[in-house]
Amino acid sequence: MDTTNRPIGVENVEICKACGGKCCMSYPGLATPEDFGAPDRALMVKKLSDALLSGRWTIDWVNQEEGLYFVRPAIKGLENSVFDHQYFGECTFLTMTGCELRFNERPESCRMLIPSLDEKCNPQGYTRIIVANRWKEYYELLMQVAIDVENL
């Protein structure tokens, strides 16, 4: 993924190892448009297409009528779905030794999560509704990429 226009993030490998990735076992993180190259729309189309074609990323939603969609990693066992609203489950990228993605390739909400030993990690405001609102200006692009991928 392109790292232009993206916050670097917070990483504390020791705390995450001690925890064992409980957050990653419960639900996948949320990707932002910048994770896929925003505001460069041509780059976004390429990166989103590649991600959705891999089967390891999916499009979820908060409110379909309002166009509040977002991109996230797929849930293990539910890969290869362009759209998936089954939000709870283990992230497809979680392995026995942690996330298989390099730190800078992870969704922004994963990189920005401040880990804590009491398992009350600080998501720093990365909620589904806030991230979906960040995707809203790219709604047409996201839907077109989804249609194109589904038609392959």
N, C-alpha and C. Protein backbone atom coordinates (compact mmCIF):
# COMPACT_ATOMS: atom_id res chain seq x y z
N MET A 1 0.83 -1.19 0.00
CA MET A 1 0.00 0.00 0.00
C MET A 1 0.86 1.24 0.00
N ASP A 2 0.33 2.30 -0.55
CA ASP A 2 1.00 3.58 -0.56
C ASP A 2 0.90 4.20 0.82
N THR A 3 1.97 4.80 1.30
CA THR A 3 1.95 5.41 2.62
C THR A 3 1.81 6.92 2.56
N THR A 4 1.64 7.49 1.38
CA THR A 4 1.44 8.92 1.25
C THR A 4 0.15 9.32 1.95
N ASN A 5 0.18 10.44 2.66
CA ASN A 5 -1.00 10.98 3.33
C ASN A 5 -1.55 10.09 4.44
N ARG A 6 -0.74 9.20 4.99
CA ARG A 6 -1.23 8.31 6.04
C ARG A 6 -0.44 8.51 7.31
N PRO A 7 -1.12 8.53 8.45
CA PRO A 7 -0.37 8.58 9.71
C PRO A 7 0.45 7.30 9.86
N ILE A 8 1.60 7.42 10.45
CA ILE A 8 2.47 6.26 10.61
C ILE A 8 1.86 5.25 11.56
N GLY A 9 1.49 5.69 12.76
CA GLY A 9 0.85 4.79 13.70
C GLY A 9 1.62 4.57 14.97
N VAL A 10 1.05 3.71 15.78
CA VAL A 10 1.58 3.39 17.10
C VAL A 10 1.80 1.88 17.11
N GLU A 11 2.96 1.45 17.57
CA GLU A 11 3.19 0.01 17.62
C GLU A 11 3.87 -0.33 18.94
N ASN A 12 3.34 -1.34 19.62
CA ASN A 12 3.96 -1.85 20.83
C ASN A 12 3.87 -3.36 20.77
N VAL A 13 4.87 -3.95 20.15
CA VAL A 13 4.88 -5.38 19.89
C VAL A 13 4.79 -6.20 21.18
N GLU A 14 5.43 -5.73 22.24
CA GLU A 14 5.44 -6.48 23.50
C GLU A 14 4.02 -6.62 24.07
N ILE A 15 3.27 -5.52 24.07
CA ILE A 15 1.90 -5.59 24.60
C ILE A 15 1.04 -6.47 23.70
N CYS A 16 1.16 -6.31 22.40
CA CYS A 16 0.35 -7.12 21.48
C CYS A 16 0.66 -8.61 21.61
N LYS A 17 1.94 -8.94 21.77
CA LYS A 17 2.32 -10.34 21.95
C LYS A 17 1.74 -10.90 23.25
N ALA A 18 1.83 -10.11 24.30
CA ALA A 18 1.31 -10.55 25.61
C ALA A 18 -0.20 -10.77 25.53
N CYS A 19 -0.88 -9.92 24.79
CA CYS A 19 -2.34 -10.01 24.65
C CYS A 19 -2.73 -11.18 23.74
N GLY A 20 -1.91 -11.43 22.73
CA GLY A 20 -2.22 -12.49 21.78
C GLY A 20 -3.14 -12.06 20.65
N GLY A 21 -3.35 -10.77 20.51
CA GLY A 21 -4.17 -10.28 19.40
C GLY A 21 -5.66 -10.47 19.60
N LYS A 22 -6.14 -10.29 20.81
CA LYS A 22 -7.57 -10.50 21.08
C LYS A 22 -8.46 -9.61 20.21
N CYS A 23 -8.01 -8.37 19.95
CA CYS A 23 -8.83 -7.50 19.10
C CYS A 23 -8.90 -8.08 17.69
N CYS A 24 -7.80 -8.59 17.19
CA CYS A 24 -7.76 -9.17 15.84
C CYS A 24 -8.57 -10.47 15.75
N MET A 25 -8.74 -11.13 16.90
CA MET A 25 -9.55 -12.35 16.94
C MET A 25 -11.04 -12.02 16.96
N SER A 26 -11.37 -10.81 17.39
CA SER A 26 -12.77 -10.41 17.53
C SER A 26 -13.33 -9.72 16.30
N TYR A 27 -12.52 -8.88 15.66
CA TYR A 27 -12.98 -8.15 14.48
C TYR A 27 -11.79 -7.55 13.75
N PRO A 28 -11.89 -7.45 12.43
CA PRO A 28 -10.82 -6.82 11.65
C PRO A 28 -10.84 -5.30 11.81
N GLY A 29 -9.69 -4.69 11.58
CA GLY A 29 -9.59 -3.24 11.66
C GLY A 29 -10.24 -2.57 10.46
N LEU A 30 -10.26 -1.26 10.49
CA LEU A 30 -10.93 -0.46 9.46
C LEU A 30 -9.88 0.26 8.62
N ALA A 31 -10.00 0.11 7.31
CA ALA A 31 -9.09 0.80 6.40
C ALA A 31 -9.69 2.14 6.01
N THR A 32 -8.85 3.11 5.77
CA THR A 32 -9.29 4.42 5.33
C THR A 32 -9.01 4.58 3.84
N PRO A 33 -9.61 5.57 3.20
CA PRO A 33 -9.32 5.80 1.78
C PRO A 33 -7.83 6.02 1.53
N GLU A 34 -7.15 6.66 2.46
CA GLU A 34 -5.72 6.91 2.30
C GLU A 34 -4.91 5.62 2.29
N ASP A 35 -5.42 4.58 2.92
CA ASP A 35 -4.74 3.28 2.88
C ASP A 35 -4.68 2.75 1.45
N PHE A 36 -5.57 3.24 0.61
CA PHE A 36 -5.64 2.78 -0.78
C PHE A 36 -5.26 3.87 -1.77
N GLY A 37 -4.54 4.89 -1.28
CA GLY A 37 -3.99 5.88 -2.19
C GLY A 37 -4.74 7.19 -2.33
N ALA A 38 -5.82 7.40 -1.57
CA ALA A 38 -6.57 8.66 -1.67
C ALA A 38 -5.62 9.82 -1.38
N PRO A 39 -5.80 10.91 -2.07
CA PRO A 39 -6.91 11.27 -2.95
C PRO A 39 -6.72 10.89 -4.43
N ASP A 40 -5.66 10.16 -4.75
CA ASP A 40 -5.39 9.77 -6.14
C ASP A 40 -6.38 8.68 -6.55
N ARG A 41 -7.42 9.06 -7.28
CA ARG A 41 -8.50 8.13 -7.63
C ARG A 41 -8.03 6.99 -8.53
N ALA A 42 -7.15 7.25 -9.44
CA ALA A 42 -6.65 6.17 -10.31
C ALA A 42 -5.88 5.14 -9.48
N LEU A 43 -5.08 5.61 -8.56
CA LEU A 43 -4.34 4.70 -7.67
C LEU A 43 -5.31 3.92 -6.79
N MET A 44 -6.35 4.59 -6.31
CA MET A 44 -7.34 3.92 -5.48
C MET A 44 -8.03 2.79 -6.24
N VAL A 45 -8.40 3.04 -7.48
CA VAL A 45 -9.06 2.00 -8.28
C VAL A 45 -8.15 0.78 -8.39
N LYS A 46 -6.89 1.00 -8.67
CA LYS A 46 -5.93 -0.11 -8.81
C LYS A 46 -5.78 -0.87 -7.49
N LYS A 47 -5.53 -0.14 -6.41
CA LYS A 47 -5.29 -0.79 -5.12
C LYS A 47 -6.54 -1.48 -4.57
N LEU A 48 -7.69 -0.84 -4.72
CA LEU A 48 -8.94 -1.47 -4.27
C LEU A 48 -9.26 -2.71 -5.10
N SER A 49 -9.07 -2.62 -6.40
CA SER A 49 -9.32 -3.78 -7.26
C SER A 49 -8.43 -4.95 -6.85
N ASP A 50 -7.15 -4.67 -6.69
CA ASP A 50 -6.22 -5.73 -6.28
C ASP A 50 -6.61 -6.33 -4.93
N ALA A 51 -6.97 -5.46 -3.99
CA ALA A 51 -7.33 -5.93 -2.65
C ALA A 51 -8.58 -6.81 -2.69
N LEU A 52 -9.62 -6.34 -3.38
CA LEU A 52 -10.87 -7.12 -3.44
C LEU A 52 -10.68 -8.41 -4.23
N LEU A 53 -9.90 -8.36 -5.29
CA LEU A 53 -9.63 -9.57 -6.07
C LEU A 53 -8.85 -10.61 -5.27
N SER A 54 -8.06 -10.16 -4.30
CA SER A 54 -7.29 -11.09 -3.47
C SER A 54 -8.21 -11.94 -2.60
N GLY A 55 -9.43 -11.45 -2.36
CA GLY A 55 -10.36 -12.16 -1.49
C GLY A 55 -10.12 -11.92 -0.02
N ARG A 56 -9.07 -11.17 0.31
CA ARG A 56 -8.70 -10.95 1.71
C ARG A 56 -9.21 -9.62 2.24
N TRP A 57 -9.83 -8.83 1.39
CA TRP A 57 -10.42 -7.55 1.78
C TRP A 57 -11.87 -7.56 1.34
N THR A 58 -12.69 -6.80 2.04
CA THR A 58 -14.11 -6.75 1.73
C THR A 58 -14.66 -5.35 1.99
N ILE A 59 -15.85 -5.12 1.50
CA ILE A 59 -16.56 -3.86 1.74
C ILE A 59 -17.68 -4.14 2.73
N ASP A 60 -17.72 -3.36 3.78
CA ASP A 60 -18.75 -3.48 4.82
C ASP A 60 -19.50 -2.15 4.85
N TRP A 61 -20.53 -2.05 5.66
CA TRP A 61 -21.30 -0.82 5.70
C TRP A 61 -21.86 -0.56 7.10
N VAL A 62 -22.18 0.71 7.30
CA VAL A 62 -22.86 1.16 8.50
C VAL A 62 -24.32 1.40 8.15
N ASN A 63 -24.55 2.07 7.01
CA ASN A 63 -25.89 2.40 6.56
C ASN A 63 -25.89 2.47 5.04
N GLN A 64 -26.50 1.49 4.41
CA GLN A 64 -26.49 1.43 2.94
C GLN A 64 -27.26 2.59 2.32
N GLU A 65 -28.39 2.96 2.92
CA GLU A 65 -29.21 4.03 2.35
C GLU A 65 -28.46 5.36 2.31
N GLU A 66 -27.59 5.57 3.27
CA GLU A 66 -26.81 6.81 3.34
C GLU A 66 -25.46 6.69 2.64
N GLY A 67 -25.18 5.53 2.03
CA GLY A 67 -23.90 5.34 1.35
C GLY A 67 -22.71 5.27 2.28
N LEU A 68 -22.93 4.79 3.50
CA LEU A 68 -21.86 4.71 4.49
C LEU A 68 -21.21 3.33 4.47
N TYR A 69 -20.25 3.20 3.59
CA TYR A 69 -19.50 1.96 3.39
C TYR A 69 -18.05 2.18 3.80
N PHE A 70 -17.34 1.10 4.08
CA PHE A 70 -15.91 1.18 4.39
C PHE A 70 -15.26 -0.14 3.97
N VAL A 71 -13.96 -0.13 3.91
CA VAL A 71 -13.19 -1.32 3.51
C VAL A 71 -12.48 -1.85 4.74
N ARG A 72 -12.42 -3.16 4.84
CA ARG A 72 -11.73 -3.81 5.95
C ARG A 72 -11.22 -5.16 5.49
N PRO A 73 -10.30 -5.76 6.24
CA PRO A 73 -9.90 -7.13 5.94
C PRO A 73 -11.09 -8.08 6.10
N ALA A 74 -11.06 -9.15 5.36
CA ALA A 74 -12.10 -10.17 5.46
C ALA A 74 -11.96 -10.92 6.79
N ILE A 75 -13.02 -11.60 7.14
CA ILE A 75 -13.02 -12.47 8.31
C ILE A 75 -12.64 -13.87 7.85
N LYS A 76 -11.81 -14.54 8.63
CA LYS A 76 -11.41 -15.91 8.28
C LYS A 76 -12.64 -16.76 8.04
N GLY A 77 -12.61 -17.49 6.94
CA GLY A 77 -13.73 -18.35 6.57
C GLY A 77 -14.75 -17.64 5.70
N LEU A 78 -14.67 -16.32 5.60
CA LEU A 78 -15.60 -15.55 4.77
C LEU A 78 -14.86 -14.77 3.69
N GLU A 79 -13.66 -15.22 3.37
CA GLU A 79 -12.90 -14.57 2.31
C GLU A 79 -13.63 -14.70 0.98
N ASN A 80 -13.20 -13.91 0.02
CA ASN A 80 -13.72 -13.94 -1.36
C ASN A 80 -15.12 -13.37 -1.51
N SER A 81 -15.55 -12.54 -0.58
CA SER A 81 -16.82 -11.83 -0.71
C SER A 81 -16.51 -10.35 -0.90
N VAL A 82 -16.99 -9.77 -1.99
CA VAL A 82 -16.75 -8.35 -2.21
C VAL A 82 -17.44 -7.54 -1.12
N PHE A 83 -18.66 -7.94 -0.75
CA PHE A 83 -19.40 -7.28 0.32
C PHE A 83 -19.62 -8.27 1.45
N ASP A 84 -19.41 -7.82 2.68
CA ASP A 84 -19.66 -8.68 3.83
C ASP A 84 -19.99 -7.81 5.03
N HIS A 85 -21.12 -8.09 5.65
CA HIS A 85 -21.56 -7.31 6.82
C HIS A 85 -21.41 -8.11 8.11
N GLN A 86 -20.83 -9.30 8.04
CA GLN A 86 -20.55 -10.11 9.24
C GLN A 86 -19.30 -9.53 9.87
N TYR A 87 -19.47 -8.59 10.76
CA TYR A 87 -18.33 -7.82 11.27
C TYR A 87 -17.52 -8.56 12.32
N PHE A 88 -18.14 -9.40 13.13
CA PHE A 88 -17.41 -10.05 14.20
C PHE A 88 -16.80 -11.36 13.73
N GLY A 89 -15.52 -11.52 14.01
CA GLY A 89 -14.79 -12.71 13.62
C GLY A 89 -13.32 -12.39 13.50
N GLU A 90 -12.52 -13.41 13.31
CA GLU A 90 -11.06 -13.24 13.27
C GLU A 90 -10.59 -12.67 11.94
N CYS A 91 -9.71 -11.69 12.03
CA CYS A 91 -9.14 -11.06 10.83
C CYS A 91 -8.36 -12.09 10.01
N THR A 92 -8.55 -12.04 8.72
CA THR A 92 -7.88 -12.97 7.81
C THR A 92 -6.36 -12.87 7.86
N PHE A 93 -5.84 -11.74 8.31
CA PHE A 93 -4.39 -11.56 8.32
C PHE A 93 -3.73 -11.97 9.64
N LEU A 94 -4.52 -12.41 10.62
CA LEU A 94 -3.96 -12.83 11.90
C LEU A 94 -3.38 -14.24 11.77
N THR A 95 -2.15 -14.40 12.22
CA THR A 95 -1.49 -15.70 12.23
C THR A 95 -1.12 -16.05 13.67
N MET A 96 -0.54 -17.20 13.85
CA MET A 96 -0.11 -17.63 15.19
C MET A 96 0.98 -16.70 15.75
N THR A 97 1.68 -15.99 14.87
CA THR A 97 2.76 -15.11 15.31
C THR A 97 2.40 -13.63 15.17
N GLY A 98 1.15 -13.32 14.94
CA GLY A 98 0.72 -11.93 14.81
C GLY A 98 0.21 -11.64 13.41
N CYS A 99 0.16 -10.36 13.07
CA CYS A 99 -0.36 -9.94 11.77
C CYS A 99 0.65 -10.27 10.68
N GLU A 100 0.16 -10.86 9.59
CA GLU A 100 1.06 -11.18 8.49
C GLU A 100 1.40 -9.95 7.65
N LEU A 101 0.65 -8.87 7.81
CA LEU A 101 0.95 -7.64 7.08
C LEU A 101 2.06 -6.87 7.78
N ARG A 102 2.96 -6.28 6.99
CA ARG A 102 3.95 -5.38 7.59
C ARG A 102 3.19 -4.22 8.21
N PHE A 103 3.78 -3.59 9.21
CA PHE A 103 3.09 -2.54 9.95
C PHE A 103 2.52 -1.47 9.02
N ASN A 104 3.31 -1.02 8.05
CA ASN A 104 2.85 0.06 7.17
C ASN A 104 1.80 -0.40 6.15
N GLU A 105 1.53 -1.69 6.06
CA GLU A 105 0.51 -2.22 5.15
C GLU A 105 -0.83 -2.43 5.86
N ARG A 106 -0.85 -2.32 7.16
CA ARG A 106 -2.07 -2.57 7.93
C ARG A 106 -3.06 -1.43 7.78
N PRO A 107 -4.34 -1.70 8.00
CA PRO A 107 -5.33 -0.62 7.98
C PRO A 107 -4.96 0.46 8.99
N GLU A 108 -5.32 1.68 8.65
CA GLU A 108 -4.98 2.82 9.52
C GLU A 108 -5.48 2.61 10.95
N SER A 109 -6.68 2.09 11.12
CA SER A 109 -7.20 1.91 12.48
C SER A 109 -6.37 0.89 13.27
N CYS A 110 -5.77 -0.06 12.59
CA CYS A 110 -4.90 -1.04 13.27
C CYS A 110 -3.58 -0.38 13.67
N ARG A 111 -3.05 0.42 12.77
CA ARG A 111 -1.78 1.10 13.07
C ARG A 111 -1.93 2.13 14.18
N MET A 112 -3.09 2.75 14.26
CA MET A 112 -3.30 3.83 15.23
C MET A 112 -3.81 3.33 16.58
N LEU A 113 -4.17 2.07 16.69
CA LEU A 113 -4.65 1.50 17.95
C LEU A 113 -3.53 1.55 18.99
N ILE A 114 -3.84 2.10 20.13
CA ILE A 114 -2.86 2.14 21.22
C ILE A 114 -3.12 0.94 22.11
N PRO A 115 -2.21 -0.06 22.10
CA PRO A 115 -2.44 -1.28 22.87
C PRO A 115 -2.29 -1.05 24.38
N SER A 116 -2.98 -1.89 25.13
CA SER A 116 -2.95 -1.80 26.58
C SER A 116 -3.01 -3.21 27.16
N LEU A 117 -2.28 -3.44 28.22
CA LEU A 117 -2.26 -4.77 28.83
C LEU A 117 -3.59 -5.15 29.46
N ASP A 118 -4.44 -4.16 29.80
CA ASP A 118 -5.73 -4.50 30.40
C ASP A 118 -6.78 -4.80 29.33
N GLU A 119 -6.35 -4.94 28.08
CA GLU A 119 -7.21 -5.29 26.94
C GLU A 119 -8.23 -4.20 26.61
N LYS A 120 -8.04 -3.02 27.15
CA LYS A 120 -8.89 -1.89 26.79
C LYS A 120 -8.06 -0.96 25.92
N CYS A 121 -7.75 -1.43 24.75
CA CYS A 121 -6.92 -0.65 23.84
C CYS A 121 -7.67 0.60 23.42
N ASN A 122 -6.93 1.65 23.10
CA ASN A 122 -7.52 2.93 22.72
C ASN A 122 -7.59 3.02 21.20
N PRO A 123 -8.81 2.97 20.62
CA PRO A 123 -8.95 3.03 19.17
C PRO A 123 -8.77 4.43 18.60
N GLN A 124 -8.57 5.43 19.45
CA GLN A 124 -8.33 6.82 19.03
C GLN A 124 -9.42 7.35 18.10
N GLY A 125 -10.64 6.94 18.32
CA GLY A 125 -11.75 7.48 17.54
C GLY A 125 -12.02 6.80 16.22
N TYR A 126 -11.32 5.72 15.91
CA TYR A 126 -11.55 5.01 14.64
C TYR A 126 -12.76 4.09 14.80
N THR A 127 -13.95 4.68 14.69
CA THR A 127 -15.18 3.89 14.75
C THR A 127 -15.66 3.62 13.33
N ARG A 128 -16.56 2.68 13.20
CA ARG A 128 -17.11 2.35 11.88
C ARG A 128 -17.77 3.56 11.24
N ILE A 129 -18.53 4.32 11.99
CA ILE A 129 -19.24 5.47 11.42
C ILE A 129 -18.26 6.56 10.97
N ILE A 130 -17.24 6.81 11.76
CA ILE A 130 -16.26 7.84 11.39
C ILE A 130 -15.48 7.43 10.15
N VAL A 131 -15.04 6.18 10.10
CA VAL A 131 -14.29 5.71 8.92
C VAL A 131 -15.21 5.66 7.70
N ALA A 132 -16.45 5.21 7.86
CA ALA A 132 -17.40 5.19 6.74
C ALA A 132 -17.63 6.60 6.20
N ASN A 133 -17.68 7.57 7.06
CA ASN A 133 -17.84 8.96 6.60
C ASN A 133 -16.62 9.43 5.81
N ARG A 134 -15.45 8.93 6.15
CA ARG A 134 -14.25 9.27 5.37
C ARG A 134 -14.32 8.66 3.97
N TRP A 135 -14.99 7.53 3.84
CA TRP A 135 -15.14 6.87 2.53
C TRP A 135 -16.24 7.51 1.70
N LYS A 136 -17.13 8.27 2.32
CA LYS A 136 -18.33 8.76 1.64
C LYS A 136 -18.03 9.50 0.33
N GLU A 137 -16.99 10.33 0.31
CA GLU A 137 -16.68 11.06 -0.92
C GLU A 137 -16.18 10.13 -2.04
N TYR A 138 -15.84 8.91 -1.69
CA TYR A 138 -15.38 7.92 -2.68
C TYR A 138 -16.42 6.84 -2.93
N TYR A 139 -17.65 7.09 -2.53
CA TYR A 139 -18.72 6.10 -2.65
C TYR A 139 -18.86 5.57 -4.08
N GLU A 140 -18.96 6.46 -5.05
CA GLU A 140 -19.15 6.02 -6.45
C GLU A 140 -17.96 5.20 -6.93
N LEU A 141 -16.76 5.64 -6.59
CA LEU A 141 -15.55 4.90 -6.96
C LEU A 141 -15.57 3.51 -6.33
N LEU A 142 -15.89 3.43 -5.06
CA LEU A 142 -15.93 2.15 -4.35
C LEU A 142 -16.95 1.21 -4.95
N MET A 143 -18.13 1.72 -5.26
CA MET A 143 -19.17 0.87 -5.84
C MET A 143 -18.80 0.41 -7.24
N GLN A 144 -18.17 1.29 -8.03
CA GLN A 144 -17.77 0.90 -9.38
C GLN A 144 -16.70 -0.19 -9.34
N VAL A 145 -15.73 -0.03 -8.44
CA VAL A 145 -14.69 -1.07 -8.30
C VAL A 145 -15.35 -2.38 -7.87
N ALA A 146 -16.28 -2.34 -6.94
CA ALA A 146 -16.97 -3.55 -6.47
C ALA A 146 -17.70 -4.22 -7.62
N ILE A 147 -18.42 -3.45 -8.43
CA ILE A 147 -19.15 -4.01 -9.57
C ILE A 147 -18.18 -4.64 -10.56
N ASP A 148 -17.10 -3.93 -10.85
CA ASP A 148 -16.11 -4.45 -11.79
C ASP A 148 -15.50 -5.77 -11.29
N VAL A 149 -15.17 -5.83 -10.01
CA VAL A 149 -14.59 -7.05 -9.44
C VAL A 149 -15.60 -8.19 -9.45
N GLU A 150 -16.83 -7.89 -9.10
CA GLU A 150 -17.86 -8.93 -9.08
C GLU A 150 -18.14 -9.47 -10.49
N ASN A 151 -17.93 -8.66 -11.51
CA ASN A 151 -18.19 -9.08 -12.88
C ASN A 151 -17.02 -9.82 -13.53
N LEU A 152 -15.93 -9.98 -12.82
CA LEU A 152 -14.79 -10.72 -13.39
C LEU A 152 -14.98 -12.22 -13.26
